């Protein structure tokens, strides 16, 4: 099942953020030309009319739109900022969310200049800061201080004729004089600049700043350029035996990325190189076979369940191995991105030789923090879901996740990478 957008998405990818050309026939200002900083909760009917400030944005050929917000629902279209011609249909600059994805639209009299959504989604109820920057070099979407999608399109406010209406929380045109695409959730700020903000400036204005690797992963997901994903680990990643014929977490992730996200010709490949019984020592020894050979763009590593039961691998060795593996991933050609995933919690009443597994999970958290690595913390998630103990309902033998446990792992991975859509078959799947 493929995700549907409010409008047909269009646009091609460019390579980098570019320097702006500025506002037409005017010197650039340092601060915003429009700056609405009143925090308000919008209920799907309310809005803020800023039409008195339309002259500040009407002539912009380049610049930045920035918004800090959080959602309380998932709607087909929710406006953060719209600047439109209320006398015509389909003549607006729209910046907002569509089904959880970030969307930027420029249309003039129904002629689409740009219309693109991210595949990454942000309707998680958390505060985020989004921006779109436009210059003669293209358009870039930013989320939480990181670029996540770049297009060749250059249309901005000046592309819309007869612009007379500016609103936070709704769009207005001749077919919807009372408004449409209303927002539900909180908006703290909406601003427009007549220049492209630098990444440092965007980060300074953001409610939160993602690690750089997270931004790169988002860019990979939003790009139409093919990417190979390697997911490696031990028997849990392997999905051996205890999935009982159901998909492993890696296979659920593959379905989400390769099919449901709708990338061109389903060209991202997900390779599972998990091997039953593996430790970090093993992966270090055969890294070229299990990782390098597949020319990855992203490498996920989930190891520790066997390390903790191996006398030769104390926490110091485990830590050193993780750092070595992260360095080895980053040393691969093309700027490969590592992901660390803590192992799931286990039933310690049945597996007393894994009593220190929580300590090893903490070591992985420390490495991820020190190395700036994206972390998917299953161990904490599993314990939190069951009052502090391992949820045995998700374990086949007290250690290996069963088919339900693998789905639980997959949903956590998908949510943490911001590609969770409750309307998708993978994300809505339940196993009786």
Protein backbone atom coordinates (compact mmCIF):
# COMPACT_ATOMS: atom_id res chain seq x y z
CA UNK A 1 0.00 0.00 0.00
CA UNK A 2 1.45 3.35 -1.02
CA UNK A 3 0.96 6.57 0.88
CA UNK A 4 -1.28 9.16 -0.82
CA UNK A 5 -0.49 12.85 -0.67
CA UNK A 6 -2.79 15.85 -0.63
CA UNK A 7 -1.50 16.75 -4.09
CA UNK A 8 0.70 14.93 -6.59
CA UNK A 9 4.29 15.27 -5.40
CA UNK A 10 6.89 16.58 -7.79
CA UNK A 11 10.53 17.66 -7.81
CA UNK A 12 14.02 16.29 -8.31
CA UNK A 13 16.95 16.10 -5.92
CA UNK A 14 19.88 18.48 -5.82
CA UNK A 15 23.07 18.08 -3.84
CA UNK A 16 23.57 20.89 -1.35
CA UNK A 17 22.27 23.93 0.46
CA UNK A 18 23.07 27.01 -1.58
CA UNK A 19 23.64 30.69 -0.89
CA UNK A 20 20.55 32.86 -1.51
CA UNK A 21 20.18 35.57 -4.10
CA UNK A 22 18.00 37.64 -1.78
CA UNK A 23 14.72 39.50 -2.02
CA UNK A 24 13.77 40.97 -5.38
CA UNK A 25 14.97 44.60 -5.69
CA UNK A 26 15.69 44.89 -1.95
CA UNK A 27 18.56 44.47 0.45
CA UNK A 28 18.36 41.51 2.78
CA UNK A 29 17.48 42.04 6.41
CA UNK A 30 19.17 40.28 9.33
CA UNK A 31 16.03 39.34 11.25
CA UNK A 32 12.74 37.96 9.96
CA UNK A 33 10.46 40.08 7.84
CA UNK A 34 7.49 38.32 9.45
CA UNK A 35 7.79 36.90 12.96
CA UNK A 36 4.75 35.51 14.78
CA UNK A 37 5.85 34.24 18.21
CA UNK A 38 2.60 33.70 20.09
CA UNK A 39 2.19 30.10 21.29
CA UNK A 40 -1.32 28.88 20.61
CA UNK A 41 -3.16 25.57 20.49
CA UNK A 42 -5.13 25.21 17.24
CA UNK A 43 -8.18 22.97 17.34
CA UNK A 44 -8.85 22.29 13.66
CA UNK A 45 -11.07 25.36 13.33
CA UNK A 46 -9.00 28.19 14.77
CA UNK A 47 -6.37 30.22 12.93
CA UNK A 48 -4.38 33.46 13.08
CA UNK A 49 -4.87 36.01 10.29
CA UNK A 50 -1.65 37.87 9.45
CA UNK A 51 -2.89 39.36 6.18
CA UNK A 52 -1.93 42.85 7.34
CA UNK A 53 1.69 41.72 6.89
CA UNK A 54 1.33 40.34 3.38
CA UNK A 55 3.51 43.10 1.90
CA UNK A 56 6.46 41.78 3.90
CA UNK A 57 6.46 38.44 2.06
CA UNK A 58 4.67 39.06 -1.25
CA UNK A 59 7.75 39.90 -3.31
CA UNK A 60 10.20 37.36 -1.93
CA UNK A 61 12.10 35.39 -4.54
CA UNK A 62 14.24 33.60 -1.94
CA UNK A 63 14.43 33.16 1.79
CA UNK A 64 13.36 30.95 4.66
CA UNK A 65 10.08 29.90 6.27
CA UNK A 66 10.54 28.57 9.80
CA UNK A 67 8.00 27.09 12.23
CA UNK A 68 8.09 25.44 15.65
CA UNK A 69 5.11 23.21 16.36
CA UNK A 70 3.72 19.93 17.60
CA UNK A 71 0.75 17.90 16.41
CA UNK A 72 -2.20 16.44 18.26
CA UNK A 73 -3.71 14.60 15.30
CA UNK A 74 -2.88 13.23 11.86
CA UNK A 75 -4.75 15.05 9.10
CA UNK A 76 -4.46 14.97 5.33
CA UNK A 77 -3.30 18.60 5.30
CA UNK A 78 -2.46 20.96 8.16
CA UNK A 79 -1.23 24.50 7.53
CA UNK A 80 1.63 26.06 9.42
CA UNK A 81 1.83 29.09 7.12
CA UNK A 82 -0.14 29.91 3.99
CA UNK A 83 0.12 33.02 1.81
CA UNK A 84 -2.53 32.99 -0.89
CA UNK A 85 -4.64 34.84 -3.41
CA UNK A 86 -8.11 34.54 -1.83
CA UNK A 87 -9.81 35.50 -5.10
CA UNK A 88 -8.45 32.53 -7.07
CA UNK A 89 -8.49 28.78 -6.52
CA UNK A 90 -5.19 26.99 -5.97
CA UNK A 91 -2.95 30.06 -5.70
CA UNK A 92 -0.81 29.82 -2.59
CA UNK A 93 2.44 29.18 -0.83
CA UNK A 94 1.70 26.38 1.66
CA UNK A 95 4.07 25.12 4.33
CA UNK A 96 2.74 22.49 6.66
CA UNK A 97 2.14 18.81 7.34
CA UNK A 98 0.28 16.26 5.25
CA UNK A 99 -0.44 12.92 6.89
CA UNK A 100 2.48 13.56 9.20
CA UNK A 101 4.93 14.42 6.41
CA UNK A 102 6.43 17.87 5.89
CA UNK A 103 5.06 19.52 2.72
CA UNK A 104 5.87 22.64 0.71
CA UNK A 105 3.61 23.79 -2.13
CA UNK A 106 3.72 26.77 -4.49
CA UNK A 107 0.84 27.11 -6.97
CA UNK A 108 -0.44 29.97 -9.10
CA UNK A 109 -3.90 29.67 -10.63
CA UNK A 110 -3.67 25.87 -10.27
CA UNK A 111 -0.29 25.78 -12.00
CA UNK A 112 1.99 23.77 -9.70
CA UNK A 113 5.45 25.32 -9.29
CA UNK A 114 6.55 22.95 -6.53
CA UNK A 115 4.76 20.31 -4.48
CA UNK A 116 6.79 17.87 -2.42
CA UNK A 117 6.40 15.89 0.77
CA UNK A 118 9.02 14.17 2.87
CA UNK A 119 8.78 10.45 3.48
CA UNK A 120 9.85 11.08 7.05
CA UNK A 121 6.98 11.94 9.39
CA UNK A 122 6.68 14.22 12.37
CA UNK A 123 3.21 13.77 13.89
CA UNK A 124 4.56 12.27 17.11
CA UNK A 125 3.25 14.93 19.49
CA UNK A 126 6.77 16.24 20.15
CA UNK A 127 7.92 19.81 19.52
CA UNK A 128 9.79 20.12 16.23
CA UNK A 129 11.23 23.03 14.29
CA UNK A 130 10.83 22.88 10.52
CA UNK A 131 12.17 25.17 7.83
CA UNK A 132 12.17 25.44 4.07
CA UNK A 133 14.86 27.50 2.37
CA UNK A 134 14.60 28.69 -1.23
CA UNK A 135 17.26 30.27 -3.40
CA UNK A 136 18.35 30.31 -7.02
CA UNK A 137 20.11 27.03 -6.29
CA UNK A 138 17.02 25.12 -5.15
CA UNK A 139 14.74 24.31 -2.23
CA UNK A 140 15.77 22.50 0.95
CA UNK A 141 13.55 21.09 3.71
CA UNK A 142 14.98 21.12 7.23
CA UNK A 143 13.78 19.31 10.36
CA UNK A 144 15.22 19.93 13.81
CA UNK A 145 18.28 21.75 12.54
CA UNK A 146 19.20 19.27 9.79
CA UNK A 147 18.55 19.29 6.03
CA UNK A 148 16.36 16.32 5.07
CA UNK A 149 15.40 16.90 1.41
CA UNK A 150 16.72 19.11 -1.38
CA UNK A 151 14.95 19.91 -4.68
CA UNK A 152 15.93 21.82 -7.79
CA UNK A 153 12.76 23.98 -7.63
CA UNK A 154 13.19 27.72 -7.00
CA UNK A 155 9.61 29.04 -6.67
CA UNK A 156 8.81 31.17 -3.61
CA UNK A 157 6.27 33.85 -2.62
CA UNK A 158 6.82 35.98 -5.74
CA UNK A 159 5.53 33.12 -7.89
CA UNK A 160 1.95 33.63 -6.63
CA UNK A 161 0.08 36.50 -8.29
CA UNK A 162 -2.43 38.61 -6.38
CA UNK A 163 -1.25 37.46 -2.95
CA UNK A 164 -3.39 39.17 -0.33
CA UNK A 165 -3.95 36.67 2.50
CA UNK A 166 -1.49 35.30 5.07
CA UNK A 167 -2.59 32.87 7.74
CA UNK A 168 -1.20 30.62 10.42
CA UNK A 169 -3.26 27.46 10.81
CA UNK A 170 -5.35 27.63 7.60
CA UNK A 171 -5.31 28.31 3.86
CA UNK A 172 -7.81 30.60 2.11
CA UNK A 173 -8.83 30.69 -1.55
CA UNK A 174 -11.92 31.40 -3.65
CA UNK A 175 -13.28 27.88 -3.20
CA UNK A 176 -12.73 27.96 0.58
CA UNK A 177 -13.25 31.55 1.74
CA UNK A 178 -13.70 30.38 5.31
CA UNK A 179 -10.49 28.41 5.19
CA UNK A 180 -9.24 24.88 4.66
CA UNK A 181 -6.36 22.63 5.79
CA UNK A 182 -6.74 23.73 9.42
CA UNK A 183 -4.05 22.85 11.94
CA UNK A 184 -4.53 20.78 15.09
CA UNK A 185 -1.85 21.11 17.73
CA UNK A 186 0.44 23.74 19.12
CA UNK A 187 2.35 26.35 17.16
CA UNK A 188 4.92 28.45 19.01
CA UNK A 189 6.37 30.41 16.15
CA UNK A 190 6.07 31.04 12.42
CA UNK A 191 8.65 33.30 10.77
CA UNK A 192 9.72 34.33 7.29
CA UNK A 193 13.18 35.62 6.37
CA UNK A 194 14.24 37.25 3.13
CA UNK A 195 17.47 35.24 3.17
CA UNK A 196 18.50 31.61 3.51
CA UNK A 197 19.44 30.92 7.12
CA UNK A 198 22.66 29.01 7.66
CA UNK A 199 22.55 25.61 9.31
CA UNK A 200 24.04 27.13 12.46
CA UNK A 201 21.25 29.73 12.51
CA UNK A 202 18.59 27.08 11.94
CA UNK A 203 19.98 25.03 14.80
CA UNK A 204 20.03 28.08 17.07
CA UNK A 205 16.33 28.65 16.33
CA UNK A 206 15.33 24.97 16.74
CA UNK A 207 13.48 23.54 19.72
CA UNK A 208 15.71 20.46 19.39
CA UNK A 209 18.66 19.54 17.18
CA UNK A 210 19.07 16.06 15.75
CA UNK A 211 22.50 14.46 15.54
CA UNK A 212 24.03 14.88 12.11
CA UNK A 213 23.68 11.18 11.27
CA UNK A 214 19.95 11.36 11.85
CA UNK A 215 19.63 14.15 9.34
CA UNK A 216 21.60 12.11 6.81
CA UNK A 217 19.41 9.05 7.35
CA UNK A 218 16.34 11.24 6.79
CA UNK A 219 17.91 12.57 3.60
CA UNK A 220 18.51 9.00 2.40
CA UNK A 221 14.90 8.05 3.12
CA UNK A 222 13.57 11.16 1.36
CA UNK A 223 15.87 10.83 -1.62
CA UNK A 224 15.03 8.91 -4.78
CA UNK A 225 18.68 7.83 -5.08
CA UNK A 226 18.99 4.06 -4.42
CA UNK A 227 20.56 3.05 -1.11
CA UNK A 228 21.64 -0.28 0.36
CA UNK A 229 20.84 -0.95 4.02
CA UNK A 230 22.76 -3.63 5.92
CA UNK A 231 21.14 -4.90 9.11
CA UNK A 232 23.49 -7.15 11.04
CA UNK A 233 23.62 -8.83 14.42
CA UNK A 234 23.11 -12.25 15.98
CA UNK A 235 20.27 -14.80 15.87
CA UNK A 236 17.75 -12.12 16.81
CA UNK A 237 18.57 -10.12 13.69
CA UNK A 238 18.94 -13.34 11.71
CA UNK A 239 15.34 -14.16 12.67
CA UNK A 240 16.30 -17.81 13.03
CA UNK A 241 13.77 -20.42 14.15
CA UNK A 242 11.68 -18.43 16.59
CA UNK A 243 9.74 -16.29 14.11
CA UNK A 244 7.72 -19.43 13.27
CA UNK A 245 7.42 -18.49 9.61
CA UNK A 246 6.53 -14.84 10.24
CA UNK A 247 8.73 -11.94 9.20
CA UNK A 248 11.70 -10.89 11.29
CA UNK A 249 12.14 -7.25 12.31
CA UNK A 250 14.56 -6.75 9.40
CA UNK A 251 11.97 -8.12 6.96
CA UNK A 252 9.24 -5.82 8.32
CA UNK A 253 11.62 -2.90 7.93
CA UNK A 254 12.41 -4.00 4.38
CA UNK A 255 8.73 -4.01 3.46
CA UNK A 256 8.26 -0.54 4.91
CA UNK A 257 11.29 0.94 3.12
CA UNK A 258 11.32 -0.98 -0.16
CA UNK A 259 7.59 -1.00 -0.88
CA UNK A 260 5.47 1.25 1.25
CA UNK A 261 7.58 4.41 1.05
CA UNK A 262 7.18 4.41 -2.73
CA UNK A 263 10.78 5.05 -3.68
CA UNK A 264 11.42 4.96 -7.41
CA UNK A 265 11.37 1.35 -8.66
CA UNK A 266 11.62 0.18 -5.03
CA UNK A 267 15.36 0.60 -5.44
CA UNK A 268 16.54 0.54 -1.82
CA UNK A 269 17.83 -2.91 -0.88
CA UNK A 270 17.79 -4.20 2.69
CA UNK A 271 20.26 -7.00 3.42
CA UNK A 272 20.09 -9.03 6.65
CA UNK A 273 23.53 -10.41 7.56
CA UNK A 274 22.70 -11.43 11.11
CA UNK A 275 24.32 -14.74 12.10
CA UNK A 276 23.14 -16.90 14.98
CA UNK A 277 25.56 -16.89 17.90
CA UNK A 278 27.44 -13.77 16.82
CA UNK A 279 29.29 -11.39 19.11
CA UNK A 280 31.01 -8.07 18.45
CA UNK A 281 34.29 -10.01 18.26
CA UNK A 282 32.85 -12.04 15.38
CA UNK A 283 31.60 -9.00 13.47
CA UNK A 284 34.94 -7.25 13.83
CA UNK A 285 36.65 -10.33 12.40
CA UNK A 286 34.34 -10.75 9.38
CA UNK A 287 33.32 -7.12 8.82
CA UNK A 288 34.25 -7.20 5.14
CA UNK A 289 32.07 -10.26 4.51
CA UNK A 290 29.01 -9.15 6.46
CA UNK A 291 29.11 -5.39 5.78
CA UNK A 292 31.61 -4.11 3.23
CA UNK A 293 30.63 -6.64 0.55
CA UNK A 294 27.16 -5.10 0.17
CA UNK A 295 28.28 -1.49 -0.48
CA UNK A 296 25.93 -0.11 2.19
CA UNK A 297 24.72 3.43 2.71
CA UNK A 298 23.40 2.65 6.21
CA UNK A 299 24.56 -0.12 8.58
CA UNK A 300 22.51 -1.19 11.60
CA UNK A 301 24.23 -3.20 14.35
CA UNK A 302 22.35 -5.05 17.11
CA UNK A 303 24.74 -7.12 19.24
CA UNK A 304 25.25 -7.81 22.94
CA UNK A 305 23.04 -10.74 23.85
CA UNK A 306 25.87 -13.20 23.23
CA UNK A 307 28.66 -10.84 24.27
CA UNK A 308 27.34 -10.72 27.82
CA UNK A 309 27.57 -14.52 28.09
CA UNK A 310 31.08 -14.72 26.60
CA UNK A 311 33.84 -14.65 29.22
CA UNK A 312 36.35 -13.05 26.90
CA UNK A 313 34.09 -10.07 26.16
CA UNK A 314 33.72 -7.89 29.21
CA UNK A 315 32.16 -4.44 29.00
CA UNK A 316 35.50 -2.82 28.17
CA UNK A 317 36.04 -5.14 25.20
CA UNK A 318 32.41 -4.71 24.14
CA UNK A 319 32.80 -0.93 24.25
CA UNK A 320 36.03 -1.01 22.27
CA UNK A 321 34.47 -3.32 19.68
CA UNK A 322 31.47 -1.04 19.23
CA UNK A 323 33.71 1.99 18.73
CA UNK A 324 35.82 0.01 16.27
CA UNK A 325 32.71 -1.07 14.34
CA UNK A 326 31.33 2.48 14.22
CA UNK A 327 34.68 3.72 12.94
CA UNK A 328 34.81 0.92 10.35
CA UNK A 329 31.34 1.82 9.07
CA UNK A 330 32.20 5.51 8.79
CA UNK A 331 35.45 4.69 7.00
CA UNK A 332 33.58 2.98 4.14
CA UNK A 333 33.38 4.94 0.86
CA UNK A 334 30.50 7.36 0.39
CA UNK A 335 29.89 8.52 3.95
CA UNK A 336 28.17 5.40 5.32
CA UNK A 337 25.98 5.95 8.40
CA UNK A 338 25.96 3.60 11.42
CA UNK A 339 22.94 2.82 13.58
CA UNK A 340 23.25 1.07 16.94
CA UNK A 341 20.34 -0.97 18.33
CA UNK A 342 20.37 -2.26 21.89
CA UNK A 343 19.27 -5.90 22.27
CA UNK A 344 15.84 -6.67 23.62
CA UNK A 345 15.40 -7.48 27.30
CA UNK A 346 15.37 -11.18 28.23
CA UNK A 347 13.75 -13.30 30.95
CA UNK A 348 16.56 -13.42 33.53
CA UNK A 349 14.82 -16.15 35.53
CA UNK A 350 15.48 -18.47 32.58
CA UNK A 351 18.73 -16.93 31.33
CA UNK A 352 20.74 -16.16 34.45
CA UNK A 353 23.95 -15.94 32.41
CA UNK A 354 22.54 -12.72 30.85
CA UNK A 355 21.96 -10.82 34.09
CA UNK A 356 24.40 -8.08 33.02
CA UNK A 357 22.63 -7.47 29.68
CA UNK A 358 21.25 -4.16 30.93
CA UNK A 359 24.82 -3.03 31.65
CA UNK A 360 25.86 -3.88 28.10
CA UNK A 361 22.87 -1.96 26.78
CA UNK A 362 24.03 1.01 28.85
CA UNK A 363 27.49 0.68 27.33
CA UNK A 364 25.96 0.87 23.85
CA UNK A 365 24.03 4.00 24.88
CA UNK A 366 27.27 5.58 26.10
CA UNK A 367 29.06 4.76 22.84
CA UNK A 368 26.18 6.15 20.78
CA UNK A 369 26.23 9.37 22.80
CA UNK A 370 30.00 9.78 22.60
CA UNK A 371 30.21 8.96 18.89
CA UNK A 372 27.10 10.86 17.75
CA UNK A 373 25.45 7.66 16.51
CA UNK A 374 21.71 7.19 16.03
CA UNK A 375 20.52 4.81 18.77
CA UNK A 376 17.39 2.67 18.77
CA UNK A 377 17.02 1.61 22.40
CA UNK A 378 14.98 -1.59 22.40
CA UNK A 379 16.20 -2.68 25.83
CA UNK A 380 14.72 0.36 27.57
CA UNK A 381 11.59 0.16 25.42
CA UNK A 382 10.94 -3.49 26.27
CA UNK A 383 11.34 -2.92 30.01
CA UNK A 384 9.20 0.22 29.97
CA UNK A 385 6.42 -1.65 28.19
CA UNK A 386 6.18 -4.21 30.99
CA UNK A 387 6.73 -2.39 34.27
CA UNK A 388 10.49 -2.91 34.36
CA UNK A 389 10.74 -6.59 33.51
CA UNK A 390 11.06 -8.40 30.21
CA UNK A 391 7.68 -8.90 28.47
CA UNK A 392 7.70 -12.69 28.22
CA UNK A 393 4.65 -12.54 25.92
CA UNK A 394 7.06 -11.33 23.21
CA UNK A 395 9.69 -14.03 23.79
CA UNK A 396 9.67 -17.56 22.40
CA UNK A 397 12.14 -19.05 24.87
CA UNK A 398 12.72 -16.19 27.27
CA UNK A 399 15.54 -14.79 25.10
CA UNK A 400 14.64 -14.83 21.39
CA UNK A 401 11.72 -12.65 20.28
CA UNK A 402 8.89 -14.59 18.68
CA UNK A 403 6.85 -13.26 15.77
CA UNK A 404 5.18 -10.69 18.05
CA UNK A 405 8.50 -9.67 19.52
CA UNK A 406 9.95 -9.09 16.06
CA UNK A 407 7.01 -6.91 15.12
CA UNK A 408 7.56 -4.98 18.37
CA UNK A 409 11.21 -4.47 17.40
CA UNK A 410 10.25 -3.40 13.88
CA UNK A 411 7.67 -0.86 15.01
CA UNK A 412 10.21 0.72 17.40
CA UNK A 413 12.82 0.94 14.63
CA UNK A 414 10.33 2.41 12.18
CA UNK A 415 9.04 4.96 14.69
CA UNK A 416 12.49 6.06 15.78
CA UNK A 417 13.53 6.62 12.15
CA UNK A 418 10.32 8.69 11.68
CA UNK A 419 8.72 6.60 8.96
CA UNK A 420 5.80 5.26 11.01
CA UNK A 421 2.43 5.58 9.30
CA UNK A 422 -0.53 3.98 11.11
CA UNK A 423 -2.26 3.65 7.74
CA UNK A 424 0.41 1.33 6.36
CA UNK A 425 0.07 -2.43 6.49
CA UNK A 426 3.40 -2.87 8.27
CA UNK A 427 2.72 -0.21 10.88
CA UNK A 428 -0.88 -1.29 11.50
CA UNK A 429 -0.10 -5.01 11.59
CA UNK A 430 -1.06 -6.94 14.70
CA UNK A 431 -0.41 -10.64 15.32
CA UNK A 432 -3.14 -12.45 17.25
